[in-house]
Amino acid sequence: MPYRVILFDLDGTLADTIELIVRSGQHALTTVLGWTPTREELLLGLGRPLHSHLGDYATSPDQLTELVTVYRGFQVQHHDELTLPYDGVNDLVRWLRNDGRRLGVVTSKIEPLAHRALALLGIDDAFNIVVGLESTTAHKPGPEPVLYAMNRLGATAAETVYIGDSPFDIRAAHAAGVDSVAVTWGAFSEEALLEHTPTHVARTAAELRALLQ
């Protein structure tokens, strides 16, 4: 039987926001610390909550607050120009919705920005639920956000799959006891994702549709 409940990560999975994340991080760290990390260094933390990611660089709570404030200021200012669709993903979401699947987004992004990105892509109305940073006190790679979405949707583990582009997504799915799909069009290489033993791998939206069909 196909999965009846499909949960998606947002950044790097539904929306191409990689450049937005990199530029926001570089701007914040350059502005506050006078140091510019490489693209690769910044992307290692993709999928974690922002406070956790930037906390790796801050030396005090006040500095972390400043980093987050500067990051979010840049992110909001440049959000729309640097949020792009992935080939075929919007069509896949619409097909799943029309097929009667229950759809959710589970992201470490704050919910207003998550809805803004989905609306910009034209798929906000396709999702039954959006679970953002504010929804749970514990976050990926723990199971809490996935379990919260499942509870809200009345879903069992057997009928649920979580789709994402980062090791944190795969680990969260494993921790929640659900199957996972690692997509390779985001920030992480297929090799890096396979180290965390996803249930499935999809390299294109067409491959993902075939898997979910």
N, C-alpha and C. Protein backbone atom coordinates (compact mmCIF):
# COMPACT_ATOMS: atom_id res chain seq x y z
N MET A 1 0.84 -1.19 0.00
CA MET A 1 0.00 0.00 0.00
C MET A 1 0.88 1.25 0.00
N PRO A 2 0.48 2.30 -0.70
CA PRO A 2 1.28 3.52 -0.70
C PRO A 2 1.17 4.23 0.65
N TYR A 3 2.14 5.08 0.92
CA TYR A 3 2.07 5.90 2.13
C TYR A 3 0.87 6.83 2.01
N ARG A 4 0.06 6.88 3.06
CA ARG A 4 -1.11 7.77 3.04
C ARG A 4 -0.81 9.12 3.66
N VAL A 5 0.24 9.21 4.46
CA VAL A 5 0.63 10.47 5.10
C VAL A 5 2.05 10.79 4.68
N ILE A 6 2.22 11.92 4.02
CA ILE A 6 3.52 12.31 3.47
C ILE A 6 3.96 13.59 4.18
N LEU A 7 5.07 13.52 4.89
CA LEU A 7 5.63 14.68 5.57
C LEU A 7 6.89 15.11 4.83
N PHE A 8 7.01 16.41 4.59
CA PHE A 8 8.15 16.97 3.87
C PHE A 8 8.94 17.92 4.76
N ASP A 9 10.24 17.88 4.64
CA ASP A 9 11.08 19.00 5.06
C ASP A 9 10.83 20.14 4.08
N LEU A 10 11.24 21.35 4.45
CA LEU A 10 11.01 22.50 3.56
C LEU A 10 12.27 22.91 2.81
N ASP A 11 13.24 23.47 3.54
CA ASP A 11 14.44 24.01 2.90
C ASP A 11 15.28 22.89 2.30
N GLY A 12 15.55 22.99 1.01
CA GLY A 12 16.35 21.98 0.33
C GLY A 12 15.56 20.77 -0.12
N THR A 13 14.25 20.76 0.19
CA THR A 13 13.39 19.64 -0.20
C THR A 13 12.22 20.13 -1.05
N LEU A 14 11.38 20.98 -0.48
CA LEU A 14 10.30 21.60 -1.25
C LEU A 14 10.74 22.88 -1.92
N ALA A 15 11.59 23.64 -1.25
CA ALA A 15 12.02 24.96 -1.74
C ALA A 15 13.54 25.02 -1.84
N ASP A 16 14.02 25.56 -2.93
CA ASP A 16 15.45 25.78 -3.09
C ASP A 16 15.82 27.09 -2.40
N THR A 17 16.20 26.98 -1.14
CA THR A 17 16.59 28.14 -0.34
C THR A 17 18.05 28.05 0.08
N ILE A 18 18.82 27.22 -0.60
CA ILE A 18 20.20 27.00 -0.20
C ILE A 18 21.01 28.29 -0.25
N GLU A 19 20.86 29.05 -1.33
CA GLU A 19 21.60 30.30 -1.46
C GLU A 19 21.16 31.29 -0.38
N LEU A 20 19.87 31.32 -0.07
CA LEU A 20 19.36 32.20 0.98
C LEU A 20 20.00 31.85 2.33
N ILE A 21 20.09 30.58 2.65
CA ILE A 21 20.67 30.14 3.91
C ILE A 21 22.15 30.49 3.98
N VAL A 22 22.87 30.23 2.90
CA VAL A 22 24.30 30.51 2.87
C VAL A 22 24.56 32.01 3.03
N ARG A 23 23.88 32.81 2.26
CA ARG A 23 24.12 34.25 2.30
C ARG A 23 23.67 34.87 3.62
N SER A 24 22.60 34.37 4.19
CA SER A 24 22.15 34.87 5.49
C SER A 24 23.18 34.55 6.57
N GLY A 25 23.69 33.33 6.56
CA GLY A 25 24.69 32.94 7.54
C GLY A 25 25.99 33.70 7.39
N GLN A 26 26.44 33.85 6.15
CA GLN A 26 27.69 34.59 5.93
C GLN A 26 27.55 36.04 6.34
N HIS A 27 26.38 36.63 6.03
CA HIS A 27 26.15 38.02 6.42
C HIS A 27 26.16 38.17 7.94
N ALA A 28 25.48 37.29 8.65
CA ALA A 28 25.41 37.38 10.11
C ALA A 28 26.78 37.20 10.74
N LEU A 29 27.52 36.21 10.31
CA LEU A 29 28.81 35.93 10.94
C LEU A 29 29.85 36.99 10.58
N THR A 30 29.77 37.51 9.37
CA THR A 30 30.69 38.59 8.98
C THR A 30 30.38 39.86 9.77
N THR A 31 29.09 40.17 9.90
CA THR A 31 28.67 41.39 10.58
C THR A 31 29.00 41.35 12.07
N VAL A 32 28.73 40.22 12.71
CA VAL A 32 28.86 40.14 14.17
C VAL A 32 30.26 39.71 14.60
N LEU A 33 30.85 38.77 13.87
CA LEU A 33 32.14 38.20 14.30
C LEU A 33 33.31 38.65 13.44
N GLY A 34 33.03 39.29 12.30
CA GLY A 34 34.11 39.70 11.41
C GLY A 34 34.78 38.53 10.73
N TRP A 35 34.05 37.45 10.57
CA TRP A 35 34.60 36.22 9.97
C TRP A 35 33.57 35.61 9.05
N THR A 36 34.00 35.21 7.86
CA THR A 36 33.08 34.66 6.87
C THR A 36 33.34 33.17 6.68
N PRO A 37 32.40 32.32 7.08
CA PRO A 37 32.59 30.88 6.88
C PRO A 37 32.41 30.51 5.42
N THR A 38 32.90 29.33 5.06
CA THR A 38 32.70 28.84 3.70
C THR A 38 31.27 28.33 3.54
N ARG A 39 30.88 28.19 2.31
CA ARG A 39 29.56 27.63 2.00
C ARG A 39 29.41 26.24 2.61
N GLU A 40 30.45 25.44 2.49
CA GLU A 40 30.41 24.06 2.98
C GLU A 40 30.25 24.03 4.50
N GLU A 41 30.93 24.92 5.20
CA GLU A 41 30.81 24.97 6.66
C GLU A 41 29.38 25.31 7.09
N LEU A 42 28.79 26.25 6.42
CA LEU A 42 27.43 26.65 6.78
C LEU A 42 26.41 25.56 6.49
N LEU A 43 26.57 24.87 5.38
CA LEU A 43 25.58 23.89 4.98
C LEU A 43 25.62 22.63 5.85
N LEU A 44 26.69 22.42 6.60
CA LEU A 44 26.75 21.26 7.47
C LEU A 44 25.65 21.29 8.52
N GLY A 45 25.21 22.49 8.89
CA GLY A 45 24.18 22.60 9.92
C GLY A 45 22.77 22.71 9.38
N LEU A 46 22.60 22.62 8.06
CA LEU A 46 21.28 22.76 7.47
C LEU A 46 20.34 21.67 8.00
N GLY A 47 19.16 22.10 8.44
CA GLY A 47 18.20 21.17 9.01
C GLY A 47 18.05 21.29 10.50
N ARG A 48 19.03 21.93 11.16
CA ARG A 48 18.92 22.17 12.60
C ARG A 48 18.26 23.53 12.84
N PRO A 49 17.64 23.73 14.02
CA PRO A 49 17.12 25.06 14.35
C PRO A 49 18.22 26.10 14.31
N LEU A 50 17.84 27.33 13.97
CA LEU A 50 18.82 28.40 13.77
C LEU A 50 19.65 28.66 15.03
N HIS A 51 19.00 28.68 16.20
CA HIS A 51 19.75 28.93 17.44
C HIS A 51 20.81 27.85 17.68
N SER A 52 20.48 26.63 17.34
CA SER A 52 21.43 25.54 17.51
C SER A 52 22.59 25.67 16.53
N HIS A 53 22.26 25.97 15.28
CA HIS A 53 23.29 26.11 14.25
C HIS A 53 24.23 27.27 14.56
N LEU A 54 23.69 28.47 14.78
CA LEU A 54 24.53 29.63 15.05
C LEU A 54 25.18 29.55 16.43
N GLY A 55 24.60 28.74 17.31
CA GLY A 55 25.20 28.55 18.63
C GLY A 55 26.58 27.91 18.56
N ASP A 56 26.88 27.24 17.45
CA ASP A 56 28.22 26.66 17.28
C ASP A 56 29.29 27.74 17.18
N TYR A 57 28.86 28.95 16.79
CA TYR A 57 29.83 30.04 16.57
C TYR A 57 29.81 31.09 17.67
N ALA A 58 28.72 31.20 18.42
CA ALA A 58 28.59 32.26 19.42
C ALA A 58 29.37 31.91 20.69
N THR A 59 29.89 32.94 21.34
CA THR A 59 30.64 32.73 22.57
C THR A 59 29.86 33.17 23.80
N SER A 60 28.66 33.71 23.60
CA SER A 60 27.83 34.13 24.72
C SER A 60 26.37 34.17 24.27
N PRO A 61 25.42 34.11 25.20
CA PRO A 61 24.01 34.22 24.84
C PRO A 61 23.68 35.52 24.11
N ASP A 62 24.30 36.63 24.53
CA ASP A 62 24.04 37.91 23.88
C ASP A 62 24.54 37.90 22.44
N GLN A 63 25.69 37.29 22.22
CA GLN A 63 26.23 37.21 20.86
C GLN A 63 25.35 36.33 19.98
N LEU A 64 24.83 35.25 20.55
CA LEU A 64 23.93 34.39 19.80
C LEU A 64 22.66 35.14 19.42
N THR A 65 22.12 35.91 20.34
CA THR A 65 20.93 36.71 20.05
C THR A 65 21.19 37.68 18.90
N GLU A 66 22.36 38.30 18.92
CA GLU A 66 22.71 39.24 17.86
C GLU A 66 22.86 38.53 16.52
N LEU A 67 23.51 37.38 16.54
CA LEU A 67 23.67 36.60 15.30
C LEU A 67 22.32 36.23 14.70
N VAL A 68 21.41 35.75 15.54
CA VAL A 68 20.08 35.35 15.06
C VAL A 68 19.32 36.55 14.51
N THR A 69 19.43 37.68 15.20
CA THR A 69 18.72 38.90 14.77
C THR A 69 19.22 39.36 13.41
N VAL A 70 20.53 39.39 13.24
CA VAL A 70 21.13 39.84 11.97
C VAL A 70 20.80 38.85 10.86
N TYR A 71 20.88 37.55 11.18
CA TYR A 71 20.56 36.51 10.20
C TYR A 71 19.12 36.66 9.71
N ARG A 72 18.20 36.77 10.65
CA ARG A 72 16.79 36.83 10.27
C ARG A 72 16.45 38.13 9.54
N GLY A 73 17.13 39.20 9.90
CA GLY A 73 16.90 40.44 9.18
C GLY A 73 17.27 40.32 7.72
N PHE A 74 18.42 39.72 7.45
CA PHE A 74 18.85 39.50 6.06
C PHE A 74 17.92 38.52 5.37
N GLN A 75 17.55 37.46 6.08
CA GLN A 75 16.70 36.42 5.49
C GLN A 75 15.35 36.98 5.07
N VAL A 76 14.74 37.78 5.92
CA VAL A 76 13.44 38.36 5.59
C VAL A 76 13.55 39.31 4.41
N GLN A 77 14.62 40.12 4.39
CA GLN A 77 14.81 41.10 3.33
C GLN A 77 14.97 40.44 1.97
N HIS A 78 15.67 39.29 1.93
CA HIS A 78 16.02 38.66 0.65
C HIS A 78 15.24 37.36 0.40
N HIS A 79 14.26 37.09 1.25
CA HIS A 79 13.57 35.80 1.20
C HIS A 79 12.96 35.50 -0.17
N ASP A 80 12.18 36.42 -0.68
CA ASP A 80 11.41 36.12 -1.88
C ASP A 80 12.29 35.96 -3.12
N GLU A 81 13.34 36.74 -3.22
CA GLU A 81 14.20 36.65 -4.40
C GLU A 81 15.06 35.39 -4.39
N LEU A 82 15.29 34.82 -3.19
CA LEU A 82 16.17 33.66 -3.08
C LEU A 82 15.43 32.39 -2.66
N THR A 83 14.12 32.37 -2.85
CA THR A 83 13.32 31.16 -2.62
C THR A 83 12.78 30.71 -3.97
N LEU A 84 13.24 29.56 -4.43
CA LEU A 84 12.93 29.09 -5.78
C LEU A 84 12.35 27.69 -5.73
N PRO A 85 11.57 27.31 -6.74
CA PRO A 85 11.04 25.95 -6.80
C PRO A 85 12.08 24.97 -7.34
N TYR A 86 11.90 23.71 -7.02
CA TYR A 86 12.67 22.64 -7.64
C TYR A 86 11.84 22.04 -8.78
N ASP A 87 12.50 21.61 -9.82
CA ASP A 87 11.81 21.05 -10.98
C ASP A 87 10.90 19.89 -10.57
N GLY A 88 9.64 20.03 -10.88
CA GLY A 88 8.70 18.93 -10.69
C GLY A 88 8.14 18.76 -9.30
N VAL A 89 8.67 19.47 -8.32
CA VAL A 89 8.25 19.23 -6.93
C VAL A 89 6.84 19.77 -6.68
N ASN A 90 6.54 20.97 -7.18
CA ASN A 90 5.19 21.51 -7.00
C ASN A 90 4.14 20.60 -7.62
N ASP A 91 4.44 20.09 -8.81
CA ASP A 91 3.50 19.17 -9.48
C ASP A 91 3.32 17.89 -8.67
N LEU A 92 4.40 17.42 -8.06
CA LEU A 92 4.32 16.23 -7.22
C LEU A 92 3.40 16.47 -6.02
N VAL A 93 3.56 17.62 -5.38
CA VAL A 93 2.72 17.96 -4.23
C VAL A 93 1.26 18.00 -4.63
N ARG A 94 0.96 18.63 -5.75
CA ARG A 94 -0.43 18.71 -6.22
C ARG A 94 -0.98 17.32 -6.55
N TRP A 95 -0.19 16.48 -7.15
CA TRP A 95 -0.62 15.13 -7.48
C TRP A 95 -0.95 14.34 -6.21
N LEU A 96 -0.09 14.47 -5.19
CA LEU A 96 -0.34 13.77 -3.93
C LEU A 96 -1.62 14.26 -3.28
N ARG A 97 -1.81 15.57 -3.28
CA ARG A 97 -3.01 16.14 -2.68
C ARG A 97 -4.27 15.65 -3.42
N ASN A 98 -4.22 15.67 -4.74
CA ASN A 98 -5.37 15.23 -5.53
C ASN A 98 -5.63 13.73 -5.38
N ASP A 99 -4.58 13.00 -5.00
CA ASP A 99 -4.71 11.56 -4.80
C ASP A 99 -5.27 11.23 -3.42
N GLY A 100 -5.54 12.25 -2.63
CA GLY A 100 -6.14 12.02 -1.32
C GLY A 100 -5.16 11.79 -0.19
N ARG A 101 -3.87 12.01 -0.45
CA ARG A 101 -2.90 11.85 0.63
C ARG A 101 -3.04 13.01 1.63
N ARG A 102 -2.66 12.75 2.87
CA ARG A 102 -2.58 13.82 3.87
C ARG A 102 -1.13 14.31 3.90
N LEU A 103 -0.96 15.61 3.74
CA LEU A 103 0.37 16.19 3.56
C LEU A 103 0.72 17.12 4.71
N GLY A 104 1.98 17.08 5.11
CA GLY A 104 2.47 17.99 6.14
C GLY A 104 3.87 18.45 5.84
N VAL A 105 4.22 19.60 6.40
CA VAL A 105 5.58 20.12 6.35
C VAL A 105 6.13 20.07 7.77
N VAL A 106 7.32 19.52 7.93
CA VAL A 106 8.00 19.49 9.23
C VAL A 106 9.35 20.16 9.02
N THR A 107 9.50 21.36 9.56
CA THR A 107 10.68 22.18 9.29
C THR A 107 11.20 22.82 10.58
N SER A 108 12.48 23.15 10.57
CA SER A 108 13.06 23.90 11.69
C SER A 108 12.90 25.40 11.50
N LYS A 109 12.29 25.81 10.42
CA LYS A 109 12.05 27.22 10.15
C LYS A 109 10.88 27.72 11.02
N ILE A 110 10.87 29.01 11.35
CA ILE A 110 9.71 29.54 12.06
C ILE A 110 8.50 29.50 11.13
N GLU A 111 7.34 29.28 11.71
CA GLU A 111 6.15 29.02 10.90
C GLU A 111 5.76 30.16 9.96
N PRO A 112 5.84 31.43 10.37
CA PRO A 112 5.48 32.49 9.41
C PRO A 112 6.33 32.46 8.14
N LEU A 113 7.63 32.20 8.30
CA LEU A 113 8.49 32.13 7.11
C LEU A 113 8.23 30.86 6.31
N ALA A 114 7.89 29.78 7.00
CA ALA A 114 7.55 28.56 6.27
C ALA A 114 6.32 28.78 5.40
N HIS A 115 5.28 29.39 5.97
CA HIS A 115 4.08 29.67 5.18
C HIS A 115 4.40 30.66 4.05
N ARG A 116 5.27 31.61 4.32
CA ARG A 116 5.63 32.57 3.28
C ARG A 116 6.30 31.88 2.11
N ALA A 117 7.20 30.95 2.40
CA ALA A 117 7.87 30.21 1.32
C ALA A 117 6.89 29.35 0.54
N LEU A 118 6.02 28.66 1.24
CA LEU A 118 5.04 27.80 0.56
C LEU A 118 4.07 28.61 -0.28
N ALA A 119 3.66 29.78 0.24
CA ALA A 119 2.76 30.65 -0.53
C ALA A 119 3.45 31.18 -1.77
N LEU A 120 4.73 31.52 -1.63
CA LEU A 120 5.50 32.02 -2.77
C LEU A 120 5.59 30.96 -3.86
N LEU A 121 5.70 29.70 -3.45
CA LEU A 121 5.76 28.59 -4.41
C LEU A 121 4.38 28.23 -4.95
N GLY A 122 3.32 28.72 -4.29
CA GLY A 122 1.97 28.43 -4.73
C GLY A 122 1.42 27.10 -4.24
N ILE A 123 1.97 26.57 -3.14
CA ILE A 123 1.52 25.26 -2.66
C ILE A 123 1.12 25.29 -1.18
N ASP A 124 0.98 26.46 -0.59
CA ASP A 124 0.66 26.54 0.83
C ASP A 124 -0.66 25.84 1.15
N ASP A 125 -1.62 25.95 0.25
CA ASP A 125 -2.95 25.38 0.50
C ASP A 125 -2.98 23.86 0.34
N ALA A 126 -1.88 23.27 -0.13
CA ALA A 126 -1.86 21.82 -0.37
C ALA A 126 -1.61 21.02 0.91
N PHE A 127 -1.17 21.71 1.97
CA PHE A 127 -0.74 20.99 3.17
C PHE A 127 -1.78 21.07 4.28
N ASN A 128 -2.00 19.92 4.91
CA ASN A 128 -2.93 19.86 6.03
C ASN A 128 -2.35 20.48 7.29
N ILE A 129 -1.03 20.48 7.40
CA ILE A 129 -0.39 21.00 8.60
C ILE A 129 1.03 21.46 8.26
N VAL A 130 1.47 22.52 8.93
CA VAL A 130 2.86 22.98 8.86
C VAL A 130 3.40 23.01 10.29
N VAL A 131 4.37 22.18 10.56
CA VAL A 131 5.01 22.11 11.87
C VAL A 131 6.33 22.87 11.79
N GLY A 132 6.40 24.00 12.47
CA GLY A 132 7.60 24.81 12.47
C GLY A 132 8.31 24.78 13.80
N LEU A 133 9.26 25.67 13.95
CA LEU A 133 10.10 25.72 15.15
C LEU A 133 9.27 25.88 16.41
N GLU A 134 8.18 26.65 16.32
CA GLU A 134 7.39 26.98 17.51
C GLU A 134 6.52 25.82 18.00
N SER A 135 6.34 24.81 17.18
CA SER A 135 5.36 23.76 17.48
C SER A 135 5.83 22.82 18.59
N THR A 136 7.13 22.61 18.72
CA THR A 136 7.65 21.68 19.71
C THR A 136 8.83 22.30 20.45
N THR A 137 9.10 21.79 21.64
CA THR A 137 10.24 22.30 22.41
C THR A 137 11.53 21.58 22.04
N ALA A 138 11.43 20.37 21.55
CA ALA A 138 12.59 19.62 21.06
C ALA A 138 12.49 19.53 19.53
N HIS A 139 13.62 19.41 18.88
CA HIS A 139 13.65 19.56 17.42
C HIS A 139 14.48 18.46 16.77
N LYS A 140 14.45 18.45 15.43
CA LYS A 140 15.27 17.51 14.68
C LYS A 140 16.74 17.65 15.11
N PRO A 141 17.47 16.55 15.22
CA PRO A 141 17.16 15.20 14.73
C PRO A 141 16.34 14.33 15.68
N GLY A 142 15.80 14.91 16.75
CA GLY A 142 14.90 14.15 17.60
C GLY A 142 13.57 13.91 16.90
N PRO A 143 12.73 13.03 17.46
CA PRO A 143 11.49 12.65 16.78
C PRO A 143 10.31 13.59 16.99
N GLU A 144 10.43 14.54 17.94
CA GLU A 144 9.26 15.29 18.39
C GLU A 144 8.48 15.99 17.28
N PRO A 145 9.14 16.72 16.35
CA PRO A 145 8.35 17.39 15.31
C PRO A 145 7.58 16.43 14.40
N VAL A 146 8.20 15.31 14.08
CA VAL A 146 7.53 14.31 13.23
C VAL A 146 6.36 13.68 13.99
N LEU A 147 6.58 13.34 15.25
CA LEU A 147 5.51 12.75 16.05
C LEU A 147 4.36 13.74 16.25
N TYR A 148 4.69 15.01 16.43
CA TYR A 148 3.66 16.04 16.58
C TYR A 148 2.78 16.10 15.33
N ALA A 149 3.42 16.11 14.16
CA ALA A 149 2.66 16.13 12.90
C ALA A 149 1.79 14.90 12.76
N MET A 150 2.33 13.74 13.09
CA MET A 150 1.56 12.50 13.00
C MET A 150 0.35 12.54 13.93
N ASN A 151 0.55 13.05 15.13
CA ASN A 151 -0.55 13.13 16.09
C ASN A 151 -1.65 14.05 15.59
N ARG A 152 -1.25 15.19 15.04
CA ARG A 152 -2.24 16.15 14.52
C ARG A 152 -3.01 15.58 13.33
N LEU A 153 -2.34 14.72 12.56
CA LEU A 153 -2.97 14.14 11.37
C LEU A 153 -3.65 12.81 11.65
N GLY A 154 -3.53 12.33 12.88
CA GLY A 154 -4.12 11.03 13.22
C GLY A 154 -3.47 9.89 12.47
N ALA A 155 -2.14 9.97 12.30
CA ALA A 155 -1.42 9.02 11.45
C ALA A 155 -0.70 7.96 12.26
N THR A 156 -0.61 6.78 11.71
CA THR A 156 0.22 5.72 12.27
C THR A 156 1.59 5.74 11.62
N ALA A 157 2.55 5.13 12.30
CA ALA A 157 3.91 5.08 11.75
C ALA A 157 3.95 4.29 10.44
N ALA A 158 3.15 3.25 10.36
CA ALA A 158 3.18 2.38 9.18
C ALA A 158 2.74 3.08 7.91
N GLU A 159 1.88 4.09 8.04
CA GLU A 159 1.36 4.77 6.84
C GLU A 159 2.08 6.08 6.55
N THR A 160 3.12 6.39 7.32
CA THR A 160 3.77 7.70 7.24
C THR A 160 5.19 7.59 6.69
N VAL A 161 5.59 8.59 5.91
CA VAL A 161 6.97 8.71 5.44
C VAL A 161 7.39 10.16 5.58
N TYR A 162 8.65 10.36 5.93
CA TYR A 162 9.20 11.72 6.05
C TYR A 162 10.28 11.89 4.99
N ILE A 163 10.17 12.97 4.23
CA ILE A 163 11.04 13.21 3.08
C ILE A 163 11.89 14.44 3.36
N GLY A 164 13.21 14.31 3.22
CA GLY A 164 14.08 15.44 3.47
C GLY A 164 15.42 15.30 2.78
N ASP A 165 16.20 16.37 2.87
CA ASP A 165 17.47 16.40 2.14
C ASP A 165 18.68 16.38 3.06
N SER A 166 18.48 16.25 4.38
CA SER A 166 19.62 16.32 5.29
C SER A 166 19.68 15.10 6.20
N PRO A 167 20.86 14.81 6.74
CA PRO A 167 20.97 13.72 7.72
C PRO A 167 20.05 13.92 8.92
N PHE A 168 19.78 15.18 9.31
CA PHE A 168 18.91 15.44 10.45
C PHE A 168 17.48 14.97 10.17
N ASP A 169 17.05 15.08 8.91
CA ASP A 169 15.72 14.60 8.54
C ASP A 169 15.64 13.08 8.64
N ILE A 170 16.65 12.41 8.13
CA ILE A 170 16.66 10.95 8.18
C ILE A 170 16.69 10.46 9.62
N ARG A 171 17.51 11.09 10.43
CA ARG A 171 17.61 10.69 11.85
C ARG A 171 16.29 10.94 12.58
N ALA A 172 15.63 12.04 12.26
CA ALA A 172 14.34 12.33 12.89
C ALA A 172 13.30 11.28 12.51
N ALA A 173 13.30 10.88 11.24
CA ALA A 173 12.37 9.83 10.80
C ALA A 173 12.65 8.52 11.54
N HIS A 174 13.91 8.13 11.61
CA HIS A 174 14.27 6.90 12.32
C HIS A 174 13.81 6.97 13.77
N ALA A 175 14.07 8.11 14.42
CA ALA A 175 13.73 8.26 15.83
C ALA A 175 12.23 8.18 16.05
N ALA A 176 11.45 8.63 15.06
CA ALA A 176 9.99 8.61 15.16
C ALA A 176 9.40 7.27 14.74
N GLY A 177 10.23 6.39 14.21
CA GLY A 177 9.76 5.08 13.81
C GLY A 177 9.05 5.04 12.47
N VAL A 178 9.34 6.03 11.60
CA VAL A 178 8.70 6.06 10.28
C VAL A 178 9.74 5.89 9.19
N ASP A 179 9.30 5.53 8.00
CA ASP A 179 10.20 5.42 6.86
C ASP A 179 10.67 6.80 6.43
N SER A 180 11.79 6.82 5.74
CA SER A 180 12.37 8.08 5.28
C SER A 180 12.71 7.99 3.80
N VAL A 181 12.67 9.16 3.15
CA VAL A 181 13.18 9.29 1.79
C VAL A 181 14.21 10.41 1.81
N ALA A 182 15.43 10.11 1.41
CA ALA A 182 16.47 11.11 1.26
C ALA A 182 16.46 11.61 -0.18
N VAL A 183 16.25 12.91 -0.37
CA VAL A 183 16.31 13.49 -1.72
C VAL A 183 17.67 14.14 -1.91
N THR A 184 18.20 14.01 -3.10
CA THR A 184 19.59 14.42 -3.33
C THR A 184 19.72 15.77 -4.03
N TRP A 185 18.59 16.49 -4.21
CA TRP A 185 18.68 17.79 -4.90
C TRP A 185 18.90 18.95 -3.93
N GLY A 186 19.08 18.67 -2.65
CA GLY A 186 19.29 19.72 -1.66
C GLY A 186 20.75 19.97 -1.39
N ALA A 187 21.09 20.15 -0.11
CA ALA A 187 22.42 20.60 0.27
C ALA A 187 23.43 19.48 0.43
N PHE A 188 22.96 18.24 0.60
CA PHE A 188 23.86 17.15 0.95
C PHE A 188 24.01 16.16 -0.19
N SER A 189 25.18 15.57 -0.28
CA SER A 189 25.45 14.59 -1.33
C SER A 189 24.75 13.27 -1.01
N GLU A 190 24.55 12.48 -2.04
CA GLU A 190 23.95 11.17 -1.84
C GLU A 190 24.79 10.33 -0.89
N GLU A 191 26.11 10.43 -1.02
CA GLU A 191 27.00 9.65 -0.15
C GLU A 191 26.81 10.02 1.32
N ALA A 192 26.70 11.33 1.59
CA ALA A 192 26.51 11.78 2.97
C ALA A 192 25.17 11.30 3.52
N LEU A 193 24.15 11.28 2.68
CA LEU A 193 22.83 10.84 3.12
C LEU A 193 22.78 9.33 3.36
N LEU A 194 23.45 8.56 2.51
CA LEU A 194 23.43 7.11 2.64
C LEU A 194 24.11 6.64 3.93
N GLU A 195 24.99 7.45 4.48
CA GLU A 195 25.63 7.10 5.75
C GLU A 195 24.60 6.96 6.88
N HIS A 196 23.43 7.56 6.70
CA HIS A 196 22.40 7.53 7.75
C HIS A 196 21.27 6.56 7.41
N THR A 197 21.50 5.74 6.42
CA THR A 197 20.61 4.63 6.03
C THR A 197 19.14 5.03 5.88
N PRO A 198 18.85 5.93 4.94
CA PRO A 198 17.44 6.23 4.66
C PRO A 198 16.74 4.99 4.11
N THR A 199 15.42 4.95 4.28
CA THR A 199 14.65 3.83 3.74
C THR A 199 14.69 3.83 2.21
N HIS A 200 14.61 5.02 1.62
CA HIS A 200 14.62 5.18 0.17
C HIS A 200 15.48 6.40 -0.18
N VAL A 201 15.90 6.45 -1.44
CA VAL A 201 16.60 7.61 -1.99
C VAL A 201 15.91 8.02 -3.29
N ALA A 202 15.71 9.32 -3.47
CA ALA A 202 15.14 9.84 -4.72
C ALA A 202 16.04 10.94 -5.25
N ARG A 203 16.38 10.84 -6.51
CA ARG A 203 17.29 11.80 -7.12
C ARG A 203 16.57 12.88 -7.92
N THR A 204 15.32 12.61 -8.27
CA THR A 204 14.50 13.57 -9.00
C THR A 204 13.07 13.50 -8.47
N ALA A 205 12.27 14.52 -8.81
CA ALA A 205 10.87 14.49 -8.43
C ALA A 205 10.14 13.32 -9.09
N ALA A 206 10.55 12.97 -10.31
CA ALA A 206 9.93 11.84 -11.00
C ALA A 206 10.22 10.52 -10.26
N GLU A 207 11.43 10.37 -9.76
CA GLU A 207 11.77 9.18 -8.98
C GLU A 207 10.96 9.14 -7.70
N LEU A 208 10.78 10.29 -7.07
CA LEU A 208 10.01 10.35 -5.84
C LEU A 208 8.55 10.00 -6.09
N ARG A 209 7.99 10.50 -7.18
CA ARG A 209 6.61 10.17 -7.50
C ARG A 209 6.44 8.68 -7.74
N ALA A 210 7.37 8.08 -8.45
CA ALA A 210 7.29 6.64 -8.71
C ALA A 210 7.35 5.84 -7.41
N LEU A 211 8.16 6.29 -6.49
CA LEU A 211 8.29 5.63 -5.20
C LEU A 211 7.01 5.75 -4.39
N LEU A 212 6.40 6.93 -4.40
CA LEU A 212 5.19 7.17 -3.61
C LEU A 212 3.93 6.58 -4.26
N GLN A 213 4.02 6.29 -5.54
CA GLN A 213 2.86 5.79 -6.28
C GLN A 213 2.59 4.34 -5.91
